[in-house]
PDB file of N, CA and C in Angstrom:
ATOM      1  N   MET A   1      74.774 110.313  32.201  1.00  0.00           N
ATOM      2  CA  MET A   1      75.184 109.182  31.372  1.00  0.00           C
ATOM      3  C   MET A   1      74.291 108.007  31.536  1.00  0.00           C
ATOM      4  N   LYS A   2      73.905 107.754  32.789  1.00  0.00           N
ATOM      5  CA  LYS A   2      73.014 106.688  33.075  1.00  0.00           C
ATOM      6  C   LYS A   2      71.602 106.851  32.368  1.00  0.00           C
ATOM      7  N   ARG A   3      71.223 108.105  32.338  1.00  0.00           N
ATOM      8  CA  ARG A   3      69.924 108.292  31.661  1.00  0.00           C
ATOM      9  C   ARG A   3      70.038 108.077  30.160  1.00  0.00           C
ATOM     10  N   VAL A   4      71.096 108.456  29.521  1.00  0.00           N
ATOM     11  CA  VAL A   4      71.369 108.251  28.086  1.00  0.00           C
ATOM     12  C   VAL A   4      71.421 106.796  27.772  1.00  0.00           C
ATOM     13  N   LEU A   5      72.099 106.041  28.636  1.00  0.00           N
ATOM     14  CA  LEU A   5      72.180 104.516  28.399  1.00  0.00           C
ATOM     15  C   LEU A   5      70.795 103.861  28.451  1.00  0.00           C
ATOM     16  N   VAL A   6      69.969 104.361  29.394  1.00  0.00           N
ATOM     17  CA  VAL A   6      68.566 103.723  29.526  1.00  0.00           C
ATOM     18  C   VAL A   6      67.705 104.185  28.310  1.00  0.00           C
ATOM     19  N   LEU A   7      67.890 105.407  27.852  1.00  0.00           N
ATOM     20  CA  LEU A   7      67.035 105.889  26.654  1.00  0.00           C
ATOM     21  C   LEU A   7      67.540 105.147  25.348  1.00  0.00           C
ATOM     22  N   VAL A   8      68.774 104.906  25.209  1.00  0.00           N
ATOM     23  CA  VAL A   8      69.326 104.173  23.981  1.00  0.00           C
ATOM     24  C   VAL A   8      68.866 102.726  24.086  1.00  0.00           C
ATOM     25  N   SER A   9      68.897 102.061  25.258  1.00  0.00           N
ATOM     26  CA  SER A   9      68.467 100.707  25.439  1.00  0.00           C
ATOM     27  C   SER A   9      66.957 100.561  25.043  1.00  0.00           C
ATOM     28  N   ALA A  10      66.122 101.509  25.591  1.00  0.00           N
ATOM     29  CA  ALA A  10      64.707 101.428  25.261  1.00  0.00           C
ATOM     30  C   ALA A  10      64.431 101.693  23.803  1.00  0.00           C
ATOM     31  N   ALA A  11      65.290 102.617  23.201  1.00  0.00           N
ATOM     32  CA  ALA A  11      65.052 102.854  21.703  1.00  0.00           C
ATOM     33  C   ALA A  11      65.366 101.523  20.868  1.00  0.00           C
ATOM     34  N   LEU A  12      66.410 100.892  21.293  1.00  0.00           N
ATOM     35  CA  LEU A  12      66.757  99.597  20.583  1.00  0.00           C
ATOM     36  C   LEU A  12      65.772  98.488  20.821  1.00  0.00           C
ATOM     37  N   LEU A  13      65.151  98.416  21.992  1.00  0.00           N
ATOM     38  CA  LEU A  13      64.106  97.435  22.258  1.00  0.00           C
ATOM     39  C   LEU A  13      62.840  97.693  21.423  1.00  0.00           C
ATOM     40  N   LEU A  14      62.506  98.908  21.473  1.00  0.00           N
ATOM     41  CA  LEU A  14      61.246  99.344  20.699  1.00  0.00           C
ATOM     42  C   LEU A  14      61.372  99.219  19.157  1.00  0.00           C
ATOM     43  N   SER A  15      62.612  99.448  18.663  1.00  0.00           N
ATOM     44  CA  SER A  15      62.801  99.296  17.215  1.00  0.00           C
ATOM     45  C   SER A  15      62.739  97.749  16.853  1.00  0.00           C
ATOM     46  N   GLY A  16      63.167  96.912  17.646  1.00  0.00           N
ATOM     47  CA  GLY A  16      63.129  95.492  17.405  1.00  0.00           C
ATOM     48  C   GLY A  16      61.699  95.015  17.396  1.00  0.00           C
ATOM     49  N   ALA A  17      60.873  95.526  18.273  1.00  0.00           N
ATOM     50  CA  ALA A  17      59.431  95.193  18.348  1.00  0.00           C
ATOM     51  C   ALA A  17      58.671  95.688  17.125  1.00  0.00           C
ATOM     52  N   ALA A  18      59.088  96.877  16.629  1.00  0.00           N
ATOM     53  CA  ALA A  18      58.471  97.504  15.398  1.00  0.00           C
ATOM     54  C   ALA A  18      58.906  96.639  14.278  1.00  0.00           C
ATOM     55  N   MET A  19      60.088  96.147  14.098  1.00  0.00           N
ATOM     56  CA  MET A  19      60.444  95.293  13.019  1.00  0.00           C
ATOM     57  C   MET A  19      59.734  94.053  12.923  1.00  0.00           C
ATOM     58  N   ALA A  20      59.394  93.523  14.117  1.00  0.00           N
ATOM     59  CA  ALA A  20      58.693  92.160  14.086  1.00  0.00           C
ATOM     60  C   ALA A  20      57.226  92.357  13.651  1.00  0.00           C
ATOM     61  N   GLN A  21      56.699  93.607  13.678  1.00  0.00           N
ATOM     62  CA  GLN A  21      55.397  93.828  13.245  1.00  0.00           C
ATOM     63  C   GLN A  21      55.205  94.186  11.741  1.00  0.00           C
ATOM     64  N   THR A  22      56.237  94.456  11.062  1.00  0.00           N
ATOM     65  CA  THR A  22      56.112  94.813   9.657  1.00  0.00           C
ATOM     66  C   THR A  22      55.946  93.634   8.808  1.00  0.00           C
ATOM     67  N   ASN A  23      55.251  93.765   7.722  1.00  0.00           N
ATOM     68  CA  ASN A  23      54.930  92.614   6.736  1.00  0.00           C
ATOM     69  C   ASN A  23      56.204  92.503   5.780  1.00  0.00           C
ATOM     70  N   PRO A  24      56.505  91.370   5.378  1.00  0.00           N
ATOM     71  CA  PRO A  24      57.655  91.221   4.408  1.00  0.00           C
ATOM     72  C   PRO A  24      57.116  91.541   2.994  1.00  0.00           C
ATOM     73  N   ALA A  25      57.935  91.941   2.170  1.00  0.00           N
ATOM     74  CA  ALA A  25      57.655  92.211   0.782  1.00  0.00           C
ATOM     75  C   ALA A  25      56.950  90.979   0.113  1.00  0.00           C
ATOM     76  N   PRO A  26      55.858  91.160  -0.664  1.00  0.00           N
ATOM     77  CA  PRO A  26      55.265  90.046  -1.331  1.00  0.00           C
ATOM     78  C   PRO A  26      56.178  89.400  -2.360  1.00  0.00           C
ATOM     79  N   ALA A  27      55.980  88.054  -2.515  1.00  0.00           N
ATOM     80  CA  ALA A  27      56.893  87.308  -3.430  1.00  0.00           C
ATOM     81  C   ALA A  27      56.597  87.843  -4.954  1.00  0.00           C
ATOM     82  N   SER A  28      57.560  87.728  -5.738  1.00  0.00           N
ATOM     83  CA  SER A  28      57.332  88.092  -7.127  1.00  0.00           C
ATOM     84  C   SER A  28      56.526  87.070  -7.870  1.00  0.00           C
ATOM     85  N   PRO A  29      55.656  87.418  -8.757  1.00  0.00           N
ATOM     86  CA  PRO A  29      54.828  86.438  -9.482  1.00  0.00           C
ATOM     87  C   PRO A  29      55.743  85.361 -10.146  1.00  0.00           C
ATOM     88  N   GLY A  30      55.326  84.066 -10.053  1.00  0.00           N
ATOM     89  CA  GLY A  30      56.038  82.973 -10.686  1.00  0.00           C
ATOM     90  C   GLY A  30      57.122  82.408  -9.804  1.00  0.00           C
ATOM     91  N   THR A  31      57.216  82.917  -8.586  1.00  0.00           N
ATOM     92  CA  THR A  31      58.131  82.349  -7.650  1.00  0.00           C
ATOM     93  C   THR A  31      57.610  81.347  -6.591  1.00  0.00           C
ATOM     94  N   GLY A  32      56.403  80.892  -6.883  1.00  0.00           N
ATOM     95  CA  GLY A  32      55.792  79.845  -6.069  1.00  0.00           C
ATOM     96  C   GLY A  32      55.228  80.439  -4.820  1.00  0.00           C
ATOM     97  N   SER A  33      54.616  81.540  -4.749  1.00  0.00           N
ATOM     98  CA  SER A  33      54.069  82.089  -3.664  1.00  0.00           C
ATOM     99  C   SER A  33      53.080  81.197  -2.988  1.00  0.00           C
ATOM    100  N   ALA A  34      53.086  81.127  -1.643  1.00  0.00           N
ATOM    101  CA  ALA A  34      52.217  80.297  -0.958  1.00  0.00           C
ATOM    102  C   ALA A  34      50.784  80.696  -1.109  1.00  0.00           C
ATOM    103  N   THR A  35      50.445  81.794  -1.505  1.00  0.00           N
ATOM    104  CA  THR A  35      49.107  82.260  -1.634  1.00  0.00           C
ATOM    105  C   THR A  35      48.658  82.346  -3.107  1.00  0.00           C
ATOM    106  N   GLY A  36      49.510  81.846  -4.096  1.00  0.00           N
ATOM    107  CA  GLY A  36      49.179  81.938  -5.444  1.00  0.00           C
ATOM    108  C   GLY A  36      48.177  80.921  -5.919  1.00  0.00           C
ATOM    109  N   SER A  37      47.702  80.974  -7.079  1.00  0.00           N
ATOM    110  CA  SER A  37      46.713  80.062  -7.609  1.00  0.00           C
ATOM    111  C   SER A  37      47.307  78.635  -7.797  1.00  0.00           C
ATOM    112  N   SER A  38      48.695  78.541  -7.809  1.00  0.00           N
ATOM    113  CA  SER A  38      49.259  77.200  -7.946  1.00  0.00           C
ATOM    114  C   SER A  38      49.291  76.438  -6.668  1.00  0.00           C
ATOM    115  N   ASN A  39      48.775  76.977  -5.582  1.00  0.00           N
ATOM    116  CA  ASN A  39      48.753  76.350  -4.244  1.00  0.00           C
ATOM    117  C   ASN A  39      47.632  75.413  -4.273  1.00  0.00           C
ATOM    118  N   GLN A  40      47.904  74.113  -4.413  1.00  0.00           N
ATOM    119  CA  GLN A  40      46.879  73.074  -4.511  1.00  0.00           C
ATOM    120  C   GLN A  40      46.378  72.687  -3.062  1.00  0.00           C
ATOM    121  N   ALA A  41      45.180  72.231  -2.979  1.00  0.00           N
ATOM    122  CA  ALA A  41      44.621  71.835  -1.707  1.00  0.00           C
ATOM    123  C   ALA A  41      45.315  70.540  -1.331  1.00  0.00           C
ATOM    124  N   VAL A  42      45.503  70.353  -0.003  1.00  0.00           N
ATOM    125  CA  VAL A  42      46.237  69.174   0.455  1.00  0.00           C
ATOM    126  C   VAL A  42      45.208  68.074   0.364  1.00  0.00           C
ATOM    127  N   ASN A  43      43.899  68.226   0.735  1.00  0.00           N
ATOM    128  CA  ASN A  43      42.938  67.246   0.707  1.00  0.00           C
ATOM    129  C   ASN A  43      41.703  67.783   0.005  1.00  0.00           C
ATOM    130  N   PRO A  44      41.623  67.716  -1.342  1.00  0.00           N
ATOM    131  CA  PRO A  44      40.503  68.309  -2.103  1.00  0.00           C
ATOM    132  C   PRO A  44      39.204  67.786  -1.682  1.00  0.00           C
ATOM    133  N   ASN A  45      39.069  66.603  -1.114  1.00  0.00           N
ATOM    134  CA  ASN A  45      37.803  65.976  -0.748  1.00  0.00           C
ATOM    135  C   ASN A  45      37.356  66.394   0.656  1.00  0.00           C
ATOM    136  N   GLY A  46      38.201  67.210   1.342  1.00  0.00           N
ATOM    137  CA  GLY A  46      37.778  67.595   2.743  1.00  0.00           C
ATOM    138  C   GLY A  46      37.648  66.402   3.617  1.00  0.00           C
ATOM    139  N   ASN A  47      36.628  66.396   4.324  1.00  0.00           N
ATOM    140  CA  ASN A  47      36.376  65.267   5.282  1.00  0.00           C
ATOM    141  C   ASN A  47      35.436  64.325   4.772  1.00  0.00           C
ATOM    142  N   ALA A  48      35.318  64.096   3.543  1.00  0.00           N
ATOM    143  CA  ALA A  48      34.418  63.200   2.946  1.00  0.00           C
ATOM    144  C   ALA A  48      34.697  61.708   3.437  1.00  0.00           C
ATOM    145  N   PRO A  49      33.743  60.769   3.563  1.00  0.00           N
ATOM    146  CA  PRO A  49      34.022  59.430   3.943  1.00  0.00           C
ATOM    147  C   PRO A  49      35.026  58.786   2.886  1.00  0.00           C
ATOM    148  N   SER A  50      35.867  58.076   3.346  1.00  0.00           N
ATOM    149  CA  SER A  50      36.844  57.421   2.558  1.00  0.00           C
ATOM    150  C   SER A  50      36.805  55.909   2.792  1.00  0.00           C
ATOM    151  N   SER A  51      37.112  55.133   1.792  1.00  0.00           N
ATOM    152  CA  SER A  51      37.300  53.697   1.889  1.00  0.00           C
ATOM    153  C   SER A  51      38.797  53.405   1.983  1.00  0.00           C
ATOM    154  N   ALA A  52      39.594  54.265   1.992  1.00  0.00           N
ATOM    155  CA  ALA A  52      40.993  54.123   2.013  1.00  0.00           C
ATOM    156  C   ALA A  52      41.477  53.692   3.418  1.00  0.00           C
ATOM    157  N   ASN A  53      42.467  52.745   3.430  1.00  0.00           N
ATOM    158  CA  ASN A  53      43.127  52.428   4.669  1.00  0.00           C
ATOM    159  C   ASN A  53      44.251  53.491   5.002  1.00  0.00           C
ATOM    160  N   THR A  54      45.074  53.189   5.990  1.00  0.00           N
ATOM    161  CA  THR A  54      46.085  54.084   6.360  1.00  0.00           C
ATOM    162  C   THR A  54      47.092  54.359   5.218  1.00  0.00           C
ATOM    163  N   SER A  55      47.276  53.366   4.279  1.00  0.00           N
ATOM    164  CA  SER A  55      48.227  53.712   3.275  1.00  0.00           C
ATOM    165  C   SER A  55      47.598  54.442   2.079  1.00  0.00           C
ATOM    166  N   GLY A  56      46.269  54.698   2.219  1.00  0.00           N
ATOM    167  CA  GLY A  56      45.581  55.496   1.176  1.00  0.00           C
ATOM    168  C   GLY A  56      44.984  54.591   0.049  1.00  0.00           C
ATOM    169  N   THR A  57      45.020  53.314   0.123  1.00  0.00           N
ATOM    170  CA  THR A  57      44.405  52.485  -0.858  1.00  0.00           C
ATOM    171  C   THR A  57      43.225  51.699  -0.311  1.00  0.00           C
ATOM    172  N   VAL A  58      42.403  51.182  -1.147  1.00  0.00           N
ATOM    173  CA  VAL A  58      41.329  50.341  -0.749  1.00  0.00           C
ATOM    174  C   VAL A  58      41.747  48.906  -0.952  1.00  0.00           C
ATOM    175  N   ASN A  59      41.679  48.058   0.022  1.00  0.00           N
ATOM    176  CA  ASN A  59      42.014  46.665  -0.023  1.00  0.00           C
ATOM    177  C   ASN A  59      40.868  45.870  -0.013  1.00  0.00           C
ATOM    178  N   ILE A  60      40.473  45.279  -1.111  1.00  0.00           N
ATOM    179  CA  ILE A  60      39.423  44.331  -1.249  1.00  0.00           C
ATOM    180  C   ILE A  60      40.004  42.888  -1.060  1.00  0.00           C
ATOM    181  N   VAL A  61      39.705  42.142   0.002  1.00  0.00           N
ATOM    182  CA  VAL A  61      40.369  40.924   0.207  1.00  0.00           C
ATOM    183  C   VAL A  61      39.326  39.835   0.442  1.00  0.00           C
ATOM    184  N   LYS A  62      39.713  38.591   0.482  1.00  0.00           N
ATOM    185  CA  LYS A  62      38.736  37.443   0.757  1.00  0.00           C
ATOM    186  C   LYS A  62      38.521  37.647   2.230  1.00  0.00           C
ATOM    187  N   SER A  63      37.426  37.150   2.692  1.00  0.00           N
ATOM    188  CA  SER A  63      37.038  37.179   4.180  1.00  0.00           C
ATOM    189  C   SER A  63      38.098  36.600   5.026  1.00  0.00           C
ATOM    190  N   SER A  64      38.653  35.479   4.517  1.00  0.00           N
ATOM    191  CA  SER A  64      39.769  34.827   5.344  1.00  0.00           C
ATOM    192  C   SER A  64      41.003  35.592   5.516  1.00  0.00           C
ATOM    193  N   ALA A  65      41.207  36.620   4.645  1.00  0.00           N
ATOM    194  CA  ALA A  65      42.357  37.469   4.796  1.00  0.00           C
ATOM    195  C   ALA A  65      42.190  38.674   5.729  1.00  0.00           C
ATOM    196  N   LEU A  66      40.976  38.921   6.159  1.00  0.00           N
ATOM    197  CA  LEU A  66      40.755  39.984   7.128  1.00  0.00           C
ATOM    198  C   LEU A  66      41.589  39.656   8.446  1.00  0.00           C
ATOM    199  N   GLU A  67      42.142  40.674   8.962  1.00  0.00           N
ATOM    200  CA  GLU A  67      43.071  40.494  10.165  1.00  0.00           C
ATOM    201  C   GLU A  67      42.336  40.852  11.427  1.00  0.00           C
ATOM    202  N   LYS A  68      42.443  39.917  12.351  1.00  0.00           N
ATOM    203  CA  LYS A  68      41.795  40.173  13.655  1.00  0.00           C
ATOM    204  C   LYS A  68      42.698  41.183  14.425  1.00  0.00           C
ATOM    205  N   GLY A  69      42.028  41.940  15.266  1.00  0.00           N
ATOM    206  CA  GLY A  69      42.681  42.925  16.098  1.00  0.00           C
ATOM    207  C   GLY A  69      41.873  43.920  16.769  1.00  0.00           C
ATOM    208  N   ALA A  70      42.352  44.792  17.539  1.00  0.00           N
ATOM    209  CA  ALA A  70      41.514  45.750  18.233  1.00  0.00           C
ATOM    210  C   ALA A  70      41.073  46.809  17.275  1.00  0.00           C
ATOM    211  N   ASN A  71      39.752  46.765  17.001  1.00  0.00           N
ATOM    212  CA  ASN A  71      39.245  47.541  15.966  1.00  0.00           C
ATOM    213  C   ASN A  71      38.542  48.833  16.583  1.00  0.00           C
ATOM    214  N   SER A  72      39.039  50.072  16.348  1.00  0.00           N
ATOM    215  CA  SER A  72      38.612  51.184  16.957  1.00  0.00           C
ATOM    216  C   SER A  72      37.446  51.921  16.171  1.00  0.00           C
ATOM    217  N   PHE A  73      37.184  51.447  14.989  1.00  0.00           N
ATOM    218  CA  PHE A  73      36.143  52.049  14.066  1.00  0.00           C
ATOM    219  C   PHE A  73      34.815  51.854  14.763  1.00  0.00           C
ATOM    220  N   THR A  74      33.978  52.894  14.677  1.00  0.00           N
ATOM    221  CA  THR A  74      32.604  52.744  15.119  1.00  0.00           C
ATOM    222  C   THR A  74      31.738  52.137  14.104  1.00  0.00           C
ATOM    223  N   GLU A  75      30.580  51.740  14.377  1.00  0.00           N
ATOM    224  CA  GLU A  75      29.675  51.097  13.409  1.00  0.00           C
ATOM    225  C   GLU A  75      29.393  52.124  12.223  1.00  0.00           C
ATOM    226  N   GLY A  76      29.174  53.381  12.519  1.00  0.00           N
ATOM    227  CA  GLY A  76      29.009  54.348  11.496  1.00  0.00           C
ATOM    228  C   GLY A  76      30.186  54.636  10.596  1.00  0.00           C
ATOM    229  N   GLN A  77      31.391  54.546  11.247  1.00  0.00           N
ATOM    230  CA  GLN A  77      32.524  54.709  10.420  1.00  0.00           C
ATOM    231  C   GLN A  77      32.784  53.472   9.473  1.00  0.00           C
ATOM    232  N   ALA A  78      32.572  52.281  10.068  1.00  0.00           N
ATOM    233  CA  ALA A  78      32.661  51.077   9.217  1.00  0.00           C
ATOM    234  C   ALA A  78      31.690  51.129   8.085  1.00  0.00           C
ATOM    235  N   LYS A  79      30.456  51.539   8.346  1.00  0.00           N
ATOM    236  CA  LYS A  79      29.424  51.599   7.246  1.00  0.00           C
ATOM    237  C   LYS A  79      29.933  52.571   6.189  1.00  0.00           C
ATOM    238  N   SER A  80      30.378  53.781   6.597  1.00  0.00           N
ATOM    239  CA  SER A  80      30.889  54.735   5.646  1.00  0.00           C
ATOM    240  C   SER A  80      32.041  54.292   4.830  1.00  0.00           C
ATOM    241  N   LYS A  81      32.944  53.537   5.411  1.00  0.00           N
ATOM    242  CA  LYS A  81      34.047  52.956   4.633  1.00  0.00           C
ATOM    243  C   LYS A  81      33.592  52.009   3.629  1.00  0.00           C
ATOM    244  N   LEU A  82      32.649  51.154   4.001  1.00  0.00           N
ATOM    245  CA  LEU A  82      32.105  50.132   3.138  1.00  0.00           C
ATOM    246  C   LEU A  82      31.433  50.709   1.977  1.00  0.00           C
ATOM    247  N   GLU A  83      30.560  51.800   2.217  1.00  0.00           N
ATOM    248  CA  GLU A  83      29.850  52.505   1.202  1.00  0.00           C
ATOM    249  C   GLU A  83      30.800  53.295   0.296  1.00  0.00           C
ATOM    250  N   GLY A  84      31.915  53.799   0.772  1.00  0.00           N
ATOM    251  CA  GLY A  84      32.887  54.423   0.057  1.00  0.00           C
ATOM    252  C   GLY A  84      33.643  53.459  -0.923  1.00  0.00           C
ATOM    253  N   ALA A  85      33.593  52.159  -0.661  1.00  0.00           N
ATOM    254  CA  ALA A  85      34.185  51.249  -1.487  1.00  0.00           C
ATOM    255  C   ALA A  85      33.296  50.660  -2.568  1.00  0.00           C
ATOM    256  N   GLY A  86      32.058  51.325  -2.691  1.00  0.00           N
ATOM    257  CA  GLY A  86      31.135  50.895  -3.687  1.00  0.00           C
ATOM    258  C   GLY A  86      30.025  49.944  -3.309  1.00  0.00           C
ATOM    259  N   LEU A  87      29.889  49.720  -2.025  1.00  0.00           N
ATOM    260  CA  LEU A  87      28.919  48.830  -1.498  1.00  0.00           C
ATOM    261  C   LEU A  87      27.729  49.660  -1.093  1.00  0.00           C
ATOM    262  N   SER A  88      26.464  49.155  -1.294  1.00  0.00           N
ATOM    263  CA  SER A  88      25.317  49.930  -0.843  1.00  0.00           C
ATOM    264  C   SER A  88      24.434  49.073  -0.005  1.00  0.00           C
ATOM    265  N   ASN A  89      23.480  49.755   0.568  1.00  0.00           N
ATOM    266  CA  ASN A  89      22.502  49.140   1.549  1.00  0.00           C
ATOM    267  C   ASN A  89      23.242  48.260   2.581  1.00  0.00           C
ATOM    268  N   VAL A  90      24.162  48.843   3.302  1.00  0.00           N
ATOM    269  CA  VAL A  90      24.947  48.044   4.229  1.00  0.00           C
ATOM    270  C   VAL A  90      24.081  47.927   5.521  1.00  0.00           C
ATOM    271  N   THR A  91      23.834  46.569   5.897  1.00  0.00           N
ATOM    272  CA  THR A  91      23.008  46.393   6.992  1.00  0.00           C
ATOM    273  C   THR A  91      23.594  45.298   7.948  1.00  0.00           C
ATOM    274  N   ASP A  92      23.019  45.068   9.134  1.00  0.00           N
ATOM    275  CA  ASP A  92      23.397  44.014  10.065  1.00  0.00           C
ATOM    276  C   ASP A  92      24.920  44.124  10.484  1.00  0.00           C
ATOM    277  N   LEU A  93      25.405  45.286  10.553  1.00  0.00           N
ATOM    278  CA  LEU A  93      26.849  45.413  10.942  1.00  0.00           C
ATOM    279  C   LEU A  93      26.998  45.039  12.408  1.00  0.00           C
ATOM    280  N   LYS A  94      27.880  44.115  12.659  1.00  0.00           N
ATOM    281  CA  LYS A  94      28.174  43.729  14.087  1.00  0.00           C
ATOM    282  C   LYS A  94      29.622  43.456  14.178  1.00  0.00           C
ATOM    283  N   LYS A  95      30.290  43.876  15.225  1.00  0.00           N
ATOM    284  CA  LYS A  95      31.689  43.543  15.394  1.00  0.00           C
ATOM    285  C   LYS A  95      31.797  42.275  16.107  1.00  0.00           C
ATOM    286  N   ASP A  96      32.552  41.253  15.505  1.00  0.00           N
ATOM    287  CA  ASP A  96      32.715  39.913  16.055  1.00  0.00           C
ATOM    288  C   ASP A  96      33.741  39.864  17.220  1.00  0.00           C
ATOM    289  N   ASP A  97      33.982  38.668  17.729  1.00  0.00           N
ATOM    290  CA  ASP A  97      34.924  38.541  18.869  1.00  0.00           C
ATOM    291  C   ASP A  97      36.420  38.758  18.379  1.00  0.00           C
ATOM    292  N   GLN A  98      36.656  38.814  17.062  1.00  0.00           N
ATOM    293  CA  GLN A  98      37.906  39.089  16.570  1.00  0.00           C
ATOM    294  C   GLN A  98      38.243  40.486  16.217  1.00  0.00           C
ATOM    295  N   GLY A  99      37.250  41.394  16.510  1.00  0.00           N
ATOM    296  CA  GLY A  99      37.311  42.753  16.102  1.00  0.00           C
ATOM    297  C   GLY A  99      37.043  43.073  14.661  1.00  0.00           C
ATOM    298  N   ILE A 100      36.386  42.247  13.970  1.00  0.00           N
ATOM    299  CA  ILE A 100      36.020  42.513  12.543  1.00  0.00           C
ATOM    300  C   ILE A 100      34.651  42.830  12.394  1.00  0.00           C
ATOM    301  N   TRP A 101      34.266  43.905  11.754  1.00  0.00           N
ATOM    302  CA  TRP A 101      32.987  44.301  11.501  1.00  0.00           C
ATOM    303  C   TRP A 101      32.379  43.418  10.382  1.00  0.00           C
ATOM    304  N   ARG A 102      31.300  42.791  10.615  1.00  0.00           N
ATOM    305  CA  ARG A 102      30.667  41.919   9.534  1.00  0.00           C
ATOM    306  C   ARG A 102      29.173  42.238   9.347  1.00  0.00           C
ATOM    307  N   GLY A 103      28.705  42.128   8.125  1.00  0.00           N
ATOM    308  CA  GLY A 103      27.324  42.495   7.847  1.00  0.00           C
ATOM    309  C   GLY A 103      26.979  42.021   6.456  1.00  0.00           C
ATOM    310  N   LYS A 104      25.947  42.654   5.919  1.00  0.00           N
ATOM    311  CA  LYS A 104      25.457  42.354   4.577  1.00  0.00           C
ATOM    312  C   LYS A 104      25.313  43.721   3.777  1.00  0.00           C
ATOM    313  N   ALA A 105      25.471  43.596   2.448  1.00  0.00           N
ATOM    314  CA  ALA A 105      25.449  44.650   1.687  1.00  0.00           C
ATOM    315  C   ALA A 105      25.027  44.310   0.201  1.00  0.00           C
ATOM    316  N   MET A 106      24.879  45.318  -0.665  1.00  0.00           N
ATOM    317  CA  MET A 106      24.628  45.058  -2.076  1.00  0.00           C
ATOM    318  C   MET A 106      25.829  45.563  -2.848  1.00  0.00           C
ATOM    319  N   HIS A 107      26.222  44.748  -3.882  1.00  0.00           N
ATOM    320  CA  HIS A 107      27.351  45.126  -4.700  1.00  0.00           C
ATOM    321  C   HIS A 107      27.047  44.688  -6.148  1.00  0.00           C
ATOM    322  N   ASN A 108      26.904  45.679  -7.022  1.00  0.00           N
ATOM    323  CA  ASN A 108      26.563  45.429  -8.463  1.00  0.00           C
ATOM    324  C   ASN A 108      25.288  44.622  -8.545  1.00  0.00           C
ATOM    325  N   GLY A 109      24.271  44.941  -7.678  1.00  0.00           N
ATOM    326  CA  GLY A 109      22.973  44.348  -7.828  1.00  0.00           C
ATOM    327  C   GLY A 109      22.887  43.010  -7.064  1.00  0.00           C
ATOM    328  N   LYS A 110      23.893  42.483  -6.432  1.00  0.00           N
ATOM    329  CA  LYS A 110      23.927  41.275  -5.793  1.00  0.00           C
ATOM    330  C   LYS A 110      24.093  41.351  -4.276  1.00  0.00           C
ATOM    331  N   SER A 111      23.332  40.491  -3.487  1.00  0.00           N
ATOM    332  CA  SER A 111      23.626  40.547  -2.069  1.00  0.00           C
ATOM    333  C   SER A 111      24.949  39.849  -1.706  1.00  0.00           C
ATOM    334  N   VAL A 112      25.769  40.541  -0.852  1.00  0.00           N
ATOM    335  CA  VAL A 112      27.168  39.967  -0.443  1.00  0.00           C
ATOM    336  C   VAL A 112      27.212  40.100   1.066  1.00  0.00           C
ATOM    337  N   THR A 113      28.135  39.250   1.477  1.00  0.00           N
ATOM    338  CA  THR A 113      28.475  39.410   2.948  1.00  0.00           C
ATOM    339  C   THR A 113      29.791  40.168   2.931  1.00  0.00           C
ATOM    340  N   VAL A 114      29.783  41.144   3.922  1.00  0.00           N
ATOM    341  CA  VAL A 114      30.924  41.962   3.954  1.00  0.00           C
ATOM    342  C   VAL A 114      31.692  41.942   5.319  1.00  0.00           C
ATOM    343  N   GLY A 115      32.953  42.333   5.308  1.00  0.00           N
ATOM    344  CA  GLY A 115      33.740  42.376   6.494  1.00  0.00           C
ATOM    345  C   GLY A 115      34.688  43.571   6.411  1.00  0.00           C
ATOM    346  N   PHE A 116      35.061  44.113   7.523  1.00  0.00           N
ATOM    347  CA  PHE A 116      35.883  45.297   7.670  1.00  0.00           C
ATOM    348  C   PHE A 116      36.845  45.126   8.854  1.00  0.00           C
ATOM    349  N   ASP A 117      38.077  45.062   8.581  1.00  0.00           N
ATOM    350  CA  ASP A 117      39.106  44.904   9.748  1.00  0.00           C
ATOM    351  C   ASP A 117      39.647  46.186  10.174  1.00  0.00           C
ATOM    352  N   TYR A 118      40.454  46.148  11.212  1.00  0.00           N
ATOM    353  CA  TYR A 118      41.045  47.269  11.871  1.00  0.00           C
ATOM    354  C   TYR A 118      42.034  48.010  10.993  1.00  0.00           C
ATOM    355  N   LYS A 119      42.479  47.381   9.916  1.00  0.00           N
ATOM    356  CA  LYS A 119      43.539  48.063   9.027  1.00  0.00           C
ATOM    357  C   LYS A 119      42.833  48.714   7.910  1.00  0.00           C
ATOM    358  N   GLY A 120      41.468  48.527   7.736  1.00  0.00           N
ATOM    359  CA  GLY A 120      40.729  49.223   6.675  1.00  0.00           C
ATOM    360  C   GLY A 120      40.591  48.219   5.430  1.00  0.00           C
ATOM    361  N   ASN A 121      41.000  46.949   5.599  1.00  0.00           N
ATOM    362  CA  ASN A 121      40.737  45.974   4.567  1.00  0.00           C
ATOM    363  C   ASN A 121      39.328  45.599   4.551  1.00  0.00           C
ATOM    364  N   ILE A 122      38.691  45.441   3.329  1.00  0.00           N
ATOM    365  CA  ILE A 122      37.346  45.277   3.061  1.00  0.00           C
ATOM    366  C   ILE A 122      37.142  43.900   2.370  1.00  0.00           C
ATOM    367  N   ALA A 123      36.215  43.040   2.863  1.00  0.00           N
ATOM    368  CA  ALA A 123      35.907  41.839   2.131  1.00  0.00           C
ATOM    369  C   ALA A 123      34.434  41.889   1.768  1.00  0.00           C
ATOM    370  N   ALA A 124      34.166  41.505   0.490  1.00  0.00           N
ATOM    371  CA  ALA A 124      32.842  41.423  -0.032  1.00  0.00           C
ATOM    372  C   ALA A 124      32.622  40.142  -0.812  1.00  0.00           C
ATOM    373  N   GLU A 125      31.998  39.177  -0.348  1.00  0.00           N
ATOM    374  CA  GLU A 125      31.758  37.884  -1.086  1.00  0.00           C
ATOM    375  C   GLU A 125      30.337  37.479  -1.071  1.00  0.00           C
TER     376      GLU A 125
END
């Protein structure tokens, strides 16, 4: 009797493991299958540099509106963000005592002074 109980228990345990290994039936076409062609990329641009701040928008503001604070962006990241906002030839980038990256760039063929704060706001004047 004890032997039968052990064998039945083992059979039940093994059948559960086998069930966990089987694939579910594929979804019917048109039901929103996760692998279908209607599955859009979450970030179609991949890891391309972006000028967007945390809310996903580009904020071009006056220099006086840049917010001081602990800026964790590196010089390279700040330059990429500025270039992503349409500025070119970004040079002389230096982080000031308020945590704002400041430098020079070209915008629409004109030389401008630029700034980039910790929130991703960009100033170009």
